[in-house]
Amino acid sequence: MFALMAADFVVLVHALFIAFVLLGGLLTIHWPRAAWVHLPAAVYGVAIEMIGWTCPLTPLENALRRAGGDGVDLQGGFIEQYLVALIYPPGLTPAVQVVLGLAVVAVNVAVYGIVALRRQRRRATD
């Protein structure tokens, strides 16, 4: 019972990490120091997507589910198991994955560009 609850908690952490990778740069608008946490997470998240690595949270969840007696491993990883219908189109190819990774990069470059411009304007008025 505890292992299955822990596996569900890992799923929640995994989903929050994905959201943080995509949108965490927005935190830097009000808290510039958040970039010190967000940038490494974003680089790691993009690398996992574009290179095809397996996030360590996926095997952890699998192990917890097996320990809880579930015995069901995620097929292909967290993304494929939980978010395919929401995020990825049918027939996902490596090229599409690269495009999605580049989209994450583009969103974050735009956000950090806005943060840099705002900071520069503040300095100019001080």
C-alpha atoms as a PDB file:
ATOM      1  CA  MET A   1       0.000   0.000   0.000  1.00  0.00           C
ATOM      2  CA  PHE A   2       2.741   2.479   0.976  1.00  0.00           C
ATOM      3  CA  ALA A   3       4.788   1.628  -2.127  1.00  0.00           C
ATOM      4  CA  LEU A   4       1.832   2.326  -4.435  1.00  0.00           C
ATOM      5  CA  MET A   5       1.173   5.638  -2.698  1.00  0.00           C
ATOM      6  CA  ALA A   6       4.851   6.487  -3.078  1.00  0.00           C
ATOM      7  CA  ALA A   7       4.646   5.599  -6.791  1.00  0.00           C
ATOM      8  CA  ASP A   8       1.687   7.953  -7.180  1.00  0.00           C
ATOM      9  CA  PHE A   9       3.695  10.653  -5.410  1.00  0.00           C
ATOM     10  CA  VAL A  10       6.545  10.089  -7.893  1.00  0.00           C
ATOM     11  CA  VAL A  11       4.043  10.618 -10.739  1.00  0.00           C
ATOM     12  CA  LEU A  12       2.992  13.916  -9.167  1.00  0.00           C
ATOM     13  CA  VAL A  13       6.618  15.037  -8.760  1.00  0.00           C
ATOM     14  CA  HIS A  14       7.315  14.015 -12.359  1.00  0.00           C
ATOM     15  CA  ALA A  15       4.377  16.064 -13.675  1.00  0.00           C
ATOM     16  CA  LEU A  16       5.418  19.073 -11.589  1.00  0.00           C
ATOM     17  CA  PHE A  17       8.980  18.789 -12.895  1.00  0.00           C
ATOM     18  CA  ILE A  18       7.741  18.817 -16.490  1.00  0.00           C
ATOM     19  CA  ALA A  19       5.621  21.898 -15.777  1.00  0.00           C
ATOM     20  CA  PHE A  20       8.602  23.566 -14.090  1.00  0.00           C
ATOM     21  CA  VAL A  21      10.862  22.816 -17.071  1.00  0.00           C
ATOM     22  CA  LEU A  22       8.365  24.384 -19.461  1.00  0.00           C
ATOM     23  CA  LEU A  23       7.105  27.321 -17.401  1.00  0.00           C
ATOM     24  CA  GLY A  24       9.538  27.773 -14.520  1.00  0.00           C
ATOM     25  CA  GLY A  25      11.229  30.669 -16.257  1.00  0.00           C
ATOM     26  CA  LEU A  26       8.121  32.713 -15.488  1.00  0.00           C
ATOM     27  CA  LEU A  27       9.130  32.609 -11.816  1.00  0.00           C
ATOM     28  CA  THR A  28      12.195  34.655 -12.683  1.00  0.00           C
ATOM     29  CA  ILE A  29      10.005  37.633 -13.552  1.00  0.00           C
ATOM     30  CA  HIS A  30       9.389  38.177  -9.833  1.00  0.00           C
ATOM     31  CA  TRP A  31      12.225  36.125  -8.372  1.00  0.00           C
ATOM     32  CA  PRO A  32      15.326  36.425 -10.580  1.00  0.00           C
ATOM     33  CA  ARG A  33      17.253  33.965  -8.434  1.00  0.00           C
ATOM     34  CA  ALA A  34      14.828  31.227  -9.457  1.00  0.00           C
ATOM     35  CA  ALA A  35      16.895  31.019 -12.641  1.00  0.00           C
ATOM     36  CA  TRP A  36      19.628  29.239 -10.662  1.00  0.00           C
ATOM     37  CA  VAL A  37      17.227  26.342 -10.136  1.00  0.00           C
ATOM     38  CA  HIS A  38      15.221  26.570 -13.321  1.00  0.00           C
ATOM     39  CA  LEU A  39      17.999  26.745 -15.920  1.00  0.00           C
ATOM     40  CA  PRO A  40      19.684  23.448 -14.927  1.00  0.00           C
ATOM     41  CA  ALA A  41      16.275  21.752 -14.707  1.00  0.00           C
ATOM     42  CA  ALA A  42      15.322  23.078 -18.153  1.00  0.00           C
ATOM     43  CA  VAL A  43      18.600  21.946 -19.704  1.00  0.00           C
ATOM     44  CA  TYR A  44      18.153  18.485 -18.186  1.00  0.00           C
ATOM     45  CA  GLY A  45      14.510  18.260 -19.298  1.00  0.00           C
ATOM     46  CA  VAL A  46      15.323  19.307 -22.844  1.00  0.00           C
ATOM     47  CA  ALA A  47      18.225  16.831 -22.981  1.00  0.00           C
ATOM     48  CA  ILE A  48      15.982  13.967 -21.875  1.00  0.00           C
ATOM     49  CA  GLU A  49      13.464  14.851 -24.569  1.00  0.00           C
ATOM     50  CA  MET A  50      15.864  15.482 -27.418  1.00  0.00           C
ATOM     51  CA  ILE A  51      18.405  12.737 -26.734  1.00  0.00           C
ATOM     52  CA  GLY A  52      15.871  10.117 -25.709  1.00  0.00           C
ATOM     53  CA  TRP A  53      17.206   9.418 -22.242  1.00  0.00           C
ATOM     54  CA  THR A  54      14.988   7.873 -19.589  1.00  0.00           C
ATOM     55  CA  CYS A  55      14.226  10.099 -16.639  1.00  0.00           C
ATOM     56  CA  PRO A  56      15.291   8.413 -13.378  1.00  0.00           C
ATOM     57  CA  LEU A  57      11.804   8.965 -11.978  1.00  0.00           C
ATOM     58  CA  THR A  58      10.390   6.386 -14.403  1.00  0.00           C
ATOM     59  CA  PRO A  59      12.409   3.398 -13.104  1.00  0.00           C
ATOM     60  CA  LEU A  60      11.785   4.616  -9.545  1.00  0.00           C
ATOM     61  CA  GLU A  61       8.049   4.548 -10.118  1.00  0.00           C
ATOM     62  CA  ASN A  62       8.311   1.107 -11.746  1.00  0.00           C
ATOM     63  CA  ALA A  63      10.233  -0.251  -8.746  1.00  0.00           C
ATOM     64  CA  LEU A  64       7.702   1.190  -6.303  1.00  0.00           C
ATOM     65  CA  ARG A  65       4.785  -0.270  -8.259  1.00  0.00           C
ATOM     66  CA  ARG A  66       6.443  -3.704  -8.321  1.00  0.00           C
ATOM     67  CA  ALA A  67       7.169  -3.445  -4.575  1.00  0.00           C
ATOM     68  CA  GLY A  68       3.504  -2.598  -4.024  1.00  0.00           C
ATOM     69  CA  GLY A  69       2.386  -5.682  -5.922  1.00  0.00           C
ATOM     70  CA  ASP A  70       1.163  -3.809  -8.977  1.00  0.00           C
ATOM     71  CA  GLY A  71       3.727  -5.401 -11.272  1.00  0.00           C
ATOM     72  CA  VAL A  72       2.890  -3.027 -14.125  1.00  0.00           C
ATOM     73  CA  ASP A  73       5.835  -1.185 -15.594  1.00  0.00           C
ATOM     74  CA  LEU A  74       5.367   2.005 -17.506  1.00  0.00           C
ATOM     75  CA  GLN A  75       5.400   1.311 -21.203  1.00  0.00           C
ATOM     76  CA  GLY A  76       8.015   3.629 -22.676  1.00  0.00           C
ATOM     77  CA  GLY A  77       8.260   5.991 -19.733  1.00  0.00           C
ATOM     78  CA  PHE A  78       6.256   8.575 -17.866  1.00  0.00           C
ATOM     79  CA  ILE A  79       5.391  10.709 -20.873  1.00  0.00           C
ATOM     80  CA  GLU A  80       4.051   7.833 -22.942  1.00  0.00           C
ATOM     81  CA  GLN A  81       2.107   6.370 -20.053  1.00  0.00           C
ATOM     82  CA  TYR A  82       0.438   9.491 -18.671  1.00  0.00           C
ATOM     83  CA  LEU A  83       0.662  12.418 -21.042  1.00  0.00           C
ATOM     84  CA  VAL A  84       0.624  11.083 -24.609  1.00  0.00           C
ATOM     85  CA  ALA A  85      -3.009  11.991 -25.230  1.00  0.00           C
ATOM     86  CA  LEU A  86      -2.491  15.488 -23.856  1.00  0.00           C
ATOM     87  CA  ILE A  87       0.891  16.424 -25.258  1.00  0.00           C
ATOM     88  CA  TYR A  88       2.046  14.166 -28.055  1.00  0.00           C
ATOM     89  CA  PRO A  89       0.312  13.444 -31.336  1.00  0.00           C
ATOM     90  CA  PRO A  90      -0.115   9.897 -32.602  1.00  0.00           C
ATOM     91  CA  GLY A  91       2.849   8.668 -34.623  1.00  0.00           C
ATOM     92  CA  LEU A  92       5.443  10.531 -32.621  1.00  0.00           C
ATOM     93  CA  THR A  93       8.801  10.469 -34.390  1.00  0.00           C
ATOM     94  CA  PRO A  94      12.273  11.458 -33.214  1.00  0.00           C
ATOM     95  CA  ALA A  95      11.997  14.542 -35.428  1.00  0.00           C
ATOM     96  CA  VAL A  96       8.801  15.593 -33.652  1.00  0.00           C
ATOM     97  CA  GLN A  97      10.497  15.052 -30.290  1.00  0.00           C
ATOM     98  CA  VAL A  98      13.299  17.381 -31.363  1.00  0.00           C
ATOM     99  CA  VAL A  99      10.728  19.987 -32.393  1.00  0.00           C
ATOM    100  CA  LEU A 100       9.032  19.665 -29.000  1.00  0.00           C
ATOM    101  CA  GLY A 101      12.380  20.050 -27.249  1.00  0.00           C
ATOM    102  CA  LEU A 102      13.101  23.130 -29.344  1.00  0.00           C
ATOM    103  CA  ALA A 103       9.674  24.512 -28.402  1.00  0.00           C
ATOM    104  CA  VAL A 104      10.619  24.221 -24.729  1.00  0.00           C
ATOM    105  CA  VAL A 105      13.864  26.043 -25.508  1.00  0.00           C
ATOM    106  CA  ALA A 106      11.988  28.757 -27.429  1.00  0.00           C
ATOM    107  CA  VAL A 107       9.490  29.345 -24.604  1.00  0.00           C
ATOM    108  CA  ASN A 108      12.292  29.669 -22.092  1.00  0.00           C
ATOM    109  CA  VAL A 109      14.447  31.903 -24.300  1.00  0.00           C
ATOM    110  CA  ALA A 110      11.459  34.212 -24.736  1.00  0.00           C
ATOM    111  CA  VAL A 111      10.761  34.313 -20.995  1.00  0.00           C
ATOM    112  CA  TYR A 112      14.389  34.935 -20.089  1.00  0.00           C
ATOM    113  CA  GLY A 113      14.567  37.593 -22.800  1.00  0.00           C
ATOM    114  CA  ILE A 114      11.628  39.395 -21.195  1.00  0.00           C
ATOM    115  CA  VAL A 115      13.253  39.080 -17.782  1.00  0.00           C
ATOM    116  CA  ALA A 116      16.521  40.512 -19.131  1.00  0.00           C
ATOM    117  CA  LEU A 117      14.742  43.439 -20.788  1.00  0.00           C
ATOM    118  CA  ARG A 118      12.805  44.246 -17.628  1.00  0.00           C
ATOM    119  CA  ARG A 119      15.980  44.121 -15.578  1.00  0.00           C
ATOM    120  CA  GLN A 120      17.776  46.373 -18.064  1.00  0.00           C
ATOM    121  CA  ARG A 121      14.902  48.907 -17.977  1.00  0.00           C
ATOM    122  CA  ARG A 122      14.928  48.940 -14.177  1.00  0.00           C
ATOM    123  CA  ARG A 123      18.658  49.614 -14.146  1.00  0.00           C
ATOM    124  CA  ALA A 124      18.234  52.416 -16.684  1.00  0.00           C
ATOM    125  CA  THR A 125      15.618  54.146 -14.489  1.00  0.00           C
ATOM    126  CA  ASP A 126      17.613  53.767 -11.253  1.00  0.00           C
END
